[in-house]
C-alpha cells in the first residue's frame, strides 16, 4: 500500500537508524525544515507537536529537498550521504528502497 510521502520517510528512518533525514518543505504555514530520525519527525523552525501521532509534515506539504545525513546529526558539519532536490528523485529513491509512496507531493 502506498504511503503519504512524509510517512514513507518516517518508515525509511525507522529501518535505517544510522541516518537522519533533513527535509525542507513548503506548506500552508510557510516553509519548514524537519529532521526525521528513527521514525520521529521534529521541526527545526516551528514547535513540534507533543503527540508523536500528529503529523509534523502534513501530507499536503510540498516537497522542496531532502538530505540523508549520518547519525548522529552534526549541524555544524553536515555531511550528506545523498541529496534529493526534485520530487522525481525522491520518488525514485523511495521506490528503490522498497517503500511505495502515494502520488501527491
N, C-alpha and C. Protein backbone atom coordinates (compact mmCIF):
# COMPACT_ATOMS: atom_id res chain seq x y z
N UNK A 1 0.84 -1.18 0.00
CA UNK A 1 0.00 0.00 0.00
C UNK A 1 0.88 1.24 0.00
N UNK A 2 0.58 2.17 -0.87
CA UNK A 2 1.36 3.40 -0.97
C UNK A 2 1.08 4.31 0.22
N UNK A 3 2.14 4.91 0.73
CA UNK A 3 2.06 5.79 1.89
C UNK A 3 2.17 7.25 1.47
N UNK A 4 1.58 8.18 2.25
CA UNK A 4 1.86 9.59 2.01
C UNK A 4 3.36 9.81 2.16
N UNK A 5 3.94 10.69 1.37
CA UNK A 5 5.41 10.79 1.35
C UNK A 5 6.03 11.11 2.71
N UNK A 6 5.43 11.95 3.58
CA UNK A 6 6.07 12.16 4.88
C UNK A 6 6.13 10.88 5.72
N UNK A 7 5.06 10.07 5.64
CA UNK A 7 5.04 8.81 6.38
C UNK A 7 6.04 7.82 5.79
N UNK A 8 6.21 7.85 4.47
CA UNK A 8 7.20 6.99 3.82
C UNK A 8 8.60 7.31 4.33
N UNK A 9 8.91 8.60 4.53
CA UNK A 9 10.22 8.98 5.06
C UNK A 9 10.40 8.51 6.50
N UNK A 10 9.34 8.61 7.30
CA UNK A 10 9.43 8.12 8.68
C UNK A 10 9.64 6.61 8.69
N UNK A 11 8.96 5.91 7.81
CA UNK A 11 9.12 4.45 7.72
C UNK A 11 10.56 4.10 7.35
N UNK A 12 11.12 4.82 6.37
CA UNK A 12 12.52 4.58 5.99
C UNK A 12 13.45 4.79 7.19
N UNK A 13 13.24 5.88 7.92
CA UNK A 13 14.15 6.21 9.01
C UNK A 13 14.05 5.20 10.16
N UNK A 14 12.90 4.58 10.34
CA UNK A 14 12.77 3.52 11.34
C UNK A 14 13.68 2.35 11.02
N UNK A 15 13.78 2.03 9.75
CA UNK A 15 14.59 0.89 9.31
C UNK A 15 16.07 1.23 9.15
N UNK A 16 16.42 2.52 9.18
CA UNK A 16 17.80 2.96 8.96
C UNK A 16 18.22 3.95 10.04
N UNK A 17 18.40 3.47 11.29
CA UNK A 17 18.72 4.38 12.40
C UNK A 17 20.10 5.01 12.30
N UNK A 18 20.90 4.57 11.34
CA UNK A 18 22.21 5.16 11.14
C UNK A 18 22.14 6.46 10.32
N UNK A 19 20.92 6.84 9.91
CA UNK A 19 20.72 8.04 9.10
C UNK A 19 19.73 9.00 9.74
N UNK A 20 19.93 10.28 9.47
CA UNK A 20 19.00 11.34 9.82
C UNK A 20 18.56 11.96 8.49
N UNK A 21 17.27 12.18 8.34
CA UNK A 21 16.76 12.82 7.14
C UNK A 21 16.43 14.27 7.47
N UNK A 22 16.97 15.19 6.67
CA UNK A 22 16.66 16.61 6.83
C UNK A 22 15.85 17.03 5.62
N UNK A 23 14.59 17.41 5.87
CA UNK A 23 13.64 17.67 4.80
C UNK A 23 13.20 19.13 4.82
N UNK A 24 13.24 19.77 3.66
CA UNK A 24 12.70 21.12 3.52
C UNK A 24 11.36 21.00 2.81
N UNK A 25 10.36 21.67 3.38
CA UNK A 25 9.01 21.62 2.82
C UNK A 25 8.39 23.01 2.76
N UNK A 26 7.36 23.13 1.95
CA UNK A 26 6.53 24.34 1.87
C UNK A 26 5.11 23.89 2.16
N UNK A 27 4.47 24.59 3.08
CA UNK A 27 3.09 24.25 3.42
C UNK A 27 2.25 25.49 3.55
N UNK A 28 1.05 25.31 4.05
CA UNK A 28 0.13 26.43 4.22
C UNK A 28 0.68 27.47 5.18
N UNK A 29 1.48 27.04 6.13
CA UNK A 29 2.05 27.96 7.12
C UNK A 29 3.44 28.47 6.72
N UNK A 30 3.87 28.20 5.51
CA UNK A 30 5.18 28.65 5.04
C UNK A 30 6.18 27.52 4.99
N UNK A 31 7.45 27.88 4.91
CA UNK A 31 8.49 26.86 4.79
C UNK A 31 8.87 26.30 6.15
N UNK A 32 9.44 25.10 6.14
CA UNK A 32 9.86 24.43 7.36
C UNK A 32 11.01 23.50 7.02
N UNK A 33 11.84 23.23 8.02
CA UNK A 33 12.90 22.23 7.93
C UNK A 33 12.62 21.22 9.02
N UNK A 34 12.57 19.95 8.65
CA UNK A 34 12.21 18.89 9.58
C UNK A 34 13.30 17.83 9.58
N UNK A 35 13.68 17.40 10.78
CA UNK A 35 14.59 16.26 10.93
C UNK A 35 13.76 15.03 11.22
N UNK A 36 14.10 13.93 10.58
CA UNK A 36 13.42 12.66 10.84
C UNK A 36 14.49 11.66 11.25
N UNK A 37 14.31 11.09 12.45
CA UNK A 37 15.29 10.13 12.98
C UNK A 37 14.54 9.04 13.72
N UNK A 38 14.84 7.79 13.38
CA UNK A 38 14.20 6.63 14.00
C UNK A 38 12.67 6.71 13.96
N UNK A 39 12.15 7.25 12.87
CA UNK A 39 10.72 7.30 12.67
C UNK A 39 10.01 8.48 13.30
N UNK A 40 10.76 9.38 13.93
CA UNK A 40 10.17 10.53 14.60
C UNK A 40 10.59 11.81 13.88
N UNK A 41 9.61 12.68 13.63
CA UNK A 41 9.87 13.95 12.96
C UNK A 41 9.89 15.09 13.96
N UNK A 42 10.81 16.04 13.76
CA UNK A 42 10.90 17.23 14.61
C UNK A 42 11.16 18.44 13.73
N UNK A 43 10.38 19.48 13.93
CA UNK A 43 10.55 20.71 13.17
C UNK A 43 11.69 21.52 13.76
N UNK A 44 12.50 22.11 12.89
CA UNK A 44 13.58 23.00 13.33
C UNK A 44 13.14 24.45 13.34
N UNK A 45 11.96 24.74 12.77
CA UNK A 45 11.52 26.13 12.64
C UNK A 45 10.22 26.43 13.39
N UNK A 46 9.50 25.39 13.79
CA UNK A 46 8.22 25.55 14.48
C UNK A 46 8.21 24.64 15.70
N UNK A 47 7.22 24.83 16.54
CA UNK A 47 7.10 23.90 17.66
C UNK A 47 6.64 22.55 17.11
N UNK A 48 7.19 21.50 17.67
CA UNK A 48 6.84 20.14 17.27
C UNK A 48 5.71 19.67 18.18
N UNK A 49 4.64 19.10 17.61
CA UNK A 49 3.54 18.63 18.45
C UNK A 49 4.02 17.62 19.49
N UNK A 50 3.46 17.70 20.68
CA UNK A 50 3.82 16.77 21.76
C UNK A 50 3.33 15.36 21.45
N UNK A 51 2.24 15.24 20.73
CA UNK A 51 1.68 13.95 20.35
C UNK A 51 2.44 13.43 19.13
N UNK A 52 3.19 12.33 19.29
CA UNK A 52 4.00 11.80 18.19
C UNK A 52 3.15 11.29 17.03
N UNK A 53 1.86 11.06 17.27
CA UNK A 53 0.98 10.62 16.19
C UNK A 53 0.49 11.78 15.33
N UNK A 54 0.71 13.01 15.77
CA UNK A 54 0.32 14.19 14.99
C UNK A 54 1.41 14.48 13.95
N UNK A 55 1.00 14.68 12.71
CA UNK A 55 1.96 14.88 11.62
C UNK A 55 2.71 16.20 11.77
N UNK A 56 4.02 16.13 11.68
CA UNK A 56 4.85 17.34 11.64
C UNK A 56 4.85 17.89 10.22
N UNK A 57 4.94 16.98 9.25
CA UNK A 57 4.83 17.35 7.84
C UNK A 57 3.46 16.89 7.36
N UNK A 58 2.55 17.82 7.08
CA UNK A 58 1.25 17.39 6.58
C UNK A 58 1.39 16.75 5.19
N UNK A 59 0.57 15.75 4.89
CA UNK A 59 0.64 15.10 3.58
C UNK A 59 0.47 16.06 2.41
N UNK A 60 -0.16 17.22 2.67
CA UNK A 60 -0.38 18.21 1.61
C UNK A 60 0.82 19.14 1.41
N UNK A 61 1.83 19.03 2.28
CA UNK A 61 3.01 19.89 2.14
C UNK A 61 3.74 19.57 0.84
N UNK A 62 4.37 20.59 0.29
CA UNK A 62 5.13 20.42 -0.96
C UNK A 62 6.58 20.11 -0.62
N UNK A 63 7.09 19.04 -1.18
CA UNK A 63 8.49 18.65 -1.01
C UNK A 63 9.40 19.67 -1.70
N UNK A 64 10.44 20.12 -1.01
CA UNK A 64 11.43 21.03 -1.59
C UNK A 64 12.76 20.31 -1.77
N UNK A 65 13.28 19.70 -0.70
CA UNK A 65 14.53 18.94 -0.81
C UNK A 65 14.70 18.02 0.39
N UNK A 66 15.59 17.06 0.23
CA UNK A 66 15.89 16.11 1.30
C UNK A 66 17.38 15.83 1.28
N UNK A 67 17.96 15.79 2.46
CA UNK A 67 19.35 15.34 2.63
C UNK A 67 19.34 14.14 3.55
N UNK A 68 20.04 13.10 3.14
CA UNK A 68 20.28 11.96 4.02
C UNK A 68 21.63 12.19 4.67
N UNK A 69 21.64 12.21 5.99
CA UNK A 69 22.85 12.53 6.75
C UNK A 69 23.18 11.39 7.71
N UNK A 70 24.48 11.21 8.02
CA UNK A 70 24.82 10.17 9.00
C UNK A 70 24.38 10.60 10.40
N UNK A 71 23.94 9.62 11.18
CA UNK A 71 23.61 9.87 12.59
C UNK A 71 24.86 9.59 13.43
N UNK A 72 25.09 10.33 14.48
CA UNK A 72 24.26 11.42 14.97
C UNK A 72 24.43 12.67 14.11
N UNK A 73 23.38 13.47 14.06
CA UNK A 73 23.35 14.69 13.25
C UNK A 73 24.26 15.75 13.87
N UNK A 74 25.13 16.32 13.06
CA UNK A 74 26.01 17.40 13.50
C UNK A 74 25.69 18.62 12.65
N UNK A 75 24.90 19.57 13.17
CA UNK A 75 24.51 20.72 12.35
C UNK A 75 25.69 21.61 11.97
N UNK A 76 26.79 21.55 12.72
CA UNK A 76 27.96 22.37 12.40
C UNK A 76 28.71 21.82 11.19
N UNK A 77 28.64 20.51 10.98
CA UNK A 77 29.35 19.89 9.86
C UNK A 77 28.49 18.80 9.22
N UNK A 78 27.40 19.19 8.58
CA UNK A 78 26.58 18.15 7.93
C UNK A 78 27.35 17.54 6.76
N UNK A 79 27.30 16.23 6.67
CA UNK A 79 27.98 15.51 5.60
C UNK A 79 26.96 14.64 4.87
N UNK A 80 26.27 15.21 3.88
CA UNK A 80 25.21 14.46 3.21
C UNK A 80 25.71 13.17 2.57
N UNK A 81 24.94 12.12 2.78
CA UNK A 81 25.17 10.86 2.09
C UNK A 81 24.55 10.92 0.70
N UNK A 82 23.45 11.66 0.60
CA UNK A 82 22.75 11.86 -0.68
C UNK A 82 21.83 13.06 -0.53
N UNK A 83 21.57 13.73 -1.65
CA UNK A 83 20.69 14.89 -1.67
C UNK A 83 19.68 14.71 -2.80
N UNK A 84 18.42 15.03 -2.51
CA UNK A 84 17.35 14.94 -3.50
C UNK A 84 16.67 16.30 -3.57
N UNK A 85 16.71 16.92 -4.73
CA UNK A 85 16.14 18.25 -4.89
C UNK A 85 14.92 18.30 -5.80
N UNK A 86 14.53 17.16 -6.31
CA UNK A 86 13.37 17.07 -7.20
C UNK A 86 12.46 15.96 -6.67
N UNK A 87 11.16 16.16 -6.82
CA UNK A 87 10.21 15.14 -6.40
C UNK A 87 10.50 13.81 -7.09
N UNK A 88 10.82 13.84 -8.37
CA UNK A 88 11.06 12.60 -9.12
C UNK A 88 12.26 11.83 -8.55
N UNK A 89 13.28 12.55 -8.05
CA UNK A 89 14.44 11.89 -7.43
C UNK A 89 14.04 11.22 -6.12
N UNK A 90 13.25 11.91 -5.32
CA UNK A 90 12.80 11.35 -4.05
C UNK A 90 11.93 10.12 -4.29
N UNK A 91 11.00 10.25 -5.22
CA UNK A 91 10.10 9.15 -5.54
C UNK A 91 10.88 7.92 -6.04
N UNK A 92 11.87 8.14 -6.90
CA UNK A 92 12.68 7.03 -7.43
C UNK A 92 13.49 6.37 -6.31
N UNK A 93 14.05 7.17 -5.40
CA UNK A 93 14.83 6.61 -4.29
C UNK A 93 13.93 5.77 -3.38
N UNK A 94 12.75 6.29 -3.01
CA UNK A 94 11.86 5.52 -2.15
C UNK A 94 11.43 4.22 -2.83
N UNK A 95 11.18 4.27 -4.12
CA UNK A 95 10.83 3.05 -4.86
C UNK A 95 12.00 2.07 -4.83
N UNK A 96 13.21 2.57 -4.99
CA UNK A 96 14.41 1.73 -4.99
C UNK A 96 14.59 1.01 -3.65
N UNK A 97 14.26 1.69 -2.54
CA UNK A 97 14.42 1.07 -1.21
C UNK A 97 13.18 0.29 -0.79
N UNK A 98 12.20 0.18 -1.69
CA UNK A 98 11.04 -0.67 -1.44
C UNK A 98 9.93 -0.06 -0.62
N UNK A 99 9.84 1.27 -0.61
CA UNK A 99 8.77 1.95 0.13
C UNK A 99 7.87 2.65 -0.87
N UNK A 100 6.66 2.11 -1.09
CA UNK A 100 5.76 2.74 -2.05
C UNK A 100 5.23 4.06 -1.51
N UNK A 101 5.22 5.06 -2.36
CA UNK A 101 4.78 6.39 -1.96
C UNK A 101 3.58 6.81 -2.81
N UNK A 102 2.61 7.45 -2.17
CA UNK A 102 1.44 7.96 -2.87
C UNK A 102 1.87 9.08 -3.82
N UNK A 103 1.12 9.31 -4.83
CA UNK A 103 1.47 10.26 -5.88
C UNK A 103 1.50 11.72 -5.45
N UNK A 104 0.70 12.10 -4.47
CA UNK A 104 0.63 13.51 -4.10
C UNK A 104 1.95 13.99 -3.49
N UNK A 105 2.31 15.25 -3.77
CA UNK A 105 3.52 15.83 -3.23
C UNK A 105 3.38 17.32 -3.17
